[in-house]
Amino acid sequence: MDDERQRTEEFVIDGEKLVSAVKELVHEGNIRRITVKNRDGKSLIEIPLTAGVVGILLLPTLAALGAVAALVTECTIVVERCEA
């Protein structure tokens, strides 16, 4: 049986802090997916994370996040965490 439960959290941040906030979340390690939404609730980018996705594999995604951050003034980060 799979005893893993998922919990969802939402954070509202400025676009200029988006990349650094996502980097911090990725380093926490128990994240399944990060979704960035605009002020209207429209999903701009979804980042599925697995245990092995760190470092150089995340660089293209961070570049895309930088482009999104330049376009939005305020956004919401939706974080799906897994809990054992």
Protein backbone atom coordinates (compact mmCIF):
# COMPACT_ATOMS: atom_id res chain seq x y z
CA MET A 1 0.00 0.00 0.00
CA ASP A 2 1.10 3.52 -0.69
CA ASP A 3 0.85 5.58 2.51
CA GLU A 4 1.96 8.80 0.82
CA ARG A 5 -0.34 11.78 1.30
CA GLN A 6 -0.20 15.02 -0.62
CA ARG A 7 -0.63 18.49 0.79
CA THR A 8 -1.06 21.66 -1.25
CA GLU A 9 0.15 25.12 -0.23
CA GLU A 10 -0.17 28.46 -2.02
CA PHE A 11 2.11 31.49 -1.77
CA VAL A 12 1.54 34.91 -3.33
CA ILE A 13 4.79 36.67 -4.25
CA ASP A 14 6.15 39.42 -6.48
CA GLY A 15 7.35 38.38 -9.92
CA GLU A 16 10.88 39.56 -9.16
CA LYS A 17 11.18 37.05 -6.29
CA LEU A 18 9.80 34.10 -8.27
CA VAL A 19 13.05 32.38 -9.27
CA SER A 20 14.62 32.60 -5.82
CA ALA A 21 11.43 31.32 -4.16
CA VAL A 22 11.28 28.31 -6.49
CA LYS A 23 14.97 27.54 -5.88
CA GLU A 24 14.34 27.51 -2.12
CA LEU A 25 11.34 25.22 -2.52
CA VAL A 26 13.27 22.77 -4.72
CA HIS A 27 16.00 22.47 -2.09
CA GLU A 28 13.44 21.45 0.54
CA GLY A 29 13.19 18.11 -1.21
CA ASN A 30 9.65 16.85 -0.48
CA ILE A 31 7.99 18.70 -3.37
CA ARG A 32 6.11 16.81 -6.11
CA ARG A 33 5.00 19.70 -8.32
CA ILE A 34 5.25 23.48 -8.45
CA THR A 35 2.69 25.47 -10.41
CA VAL A 36 3.00 29.20 -11.08
CA LYS A 37 -0.27 31.05 -11.68
CA ASN A 38 -0.91 34.64 -12.67
CA ARG A 39 -3.15 37.07 -10.78
CA ASP A 40 -6.24 35.72 -12.57
CA GLY A 41 -5.50 32.12 -11.53
CA LYS A 42 -4.34 30.97 -14.97
CA SER A 43 -1.53 28.43 -14.83
CA LEU A 44 1.63 29.85 -16.46
CA ILE A 45 4.09 27.02 -15.85
CA GLU A 46 4.05 23.63 -14.11
CA ILE A 47 7.22 22.02 -12.86
CA PRO A 48 6.95 18.33 -11.99
CA LEU A 49 9.74 17.35 -9.62
CA THR A 50 11.12 13.93 -8.88
CA ALA A 51 13.79 12.94 -6.40
CA GLY A 52 16.56 13.20 -9.00
CA VAL A 53 15.69 16.57 -10.56
CA VAL A 54 18.26 19.03 -9.25
CA GLY A 55 21.18 21.06 -10.47
CA ILE A 56 21.81 21.13 -14.20
CA LEU A 57 18.50 19.46 -15.08
CA LEU A 58 16.63 22.36 -13.51
CA LEU A 59 18.50 25.14 -15.38
CA PRO A 60 16.19 25.32 -18.44
CA THR A 61 13.18 25.49 -16.15
CA LEU A 62 14.72 28.31 -14.13
CA ALA A 63 15.39 30.21 -17.35
CA ALA A 64 11.72 29.84 -18.28
CA LEU A 65 10.74 31.03 -14.81
CA GLY A 66 12.90 34.11 -15.31
CA ALA A 67 10.96 34.91 -18.47
CA VAL A 68 7.64 34.44 -16.65
CA ALA A 69 8.86 36.62 -13.79
CA ALA A 70 9.60 39.43 -16.23
CA LEU A 71 5.99 39.36 -17.44
CA VAL A 72 4.09 39.25 -14.15
CA THR A 73 4.02 41.66 -11.23
CA GLU A 74 2.31 39.31 -8.81
CA CYS A 75 1.90 35.55 -9.00
CA THR A 76 0.85 32.57 -6.94
CA ILE A 77 3.03 29.53 -6.40
CA VAL A 78 1.08 26.34 -5.75
CA VAL A 79 3.23 23.67 -4.11
CA GLU A 80 2.25 19.99 -3.89
CA ARG A 81 4.17 18.25 -1.13
CA CYS A 82 4.32 14.56 -0.38
CA GLU A 83 4.17 13.36 3.19
CA ALA A 84 4.86 9.81 4.35
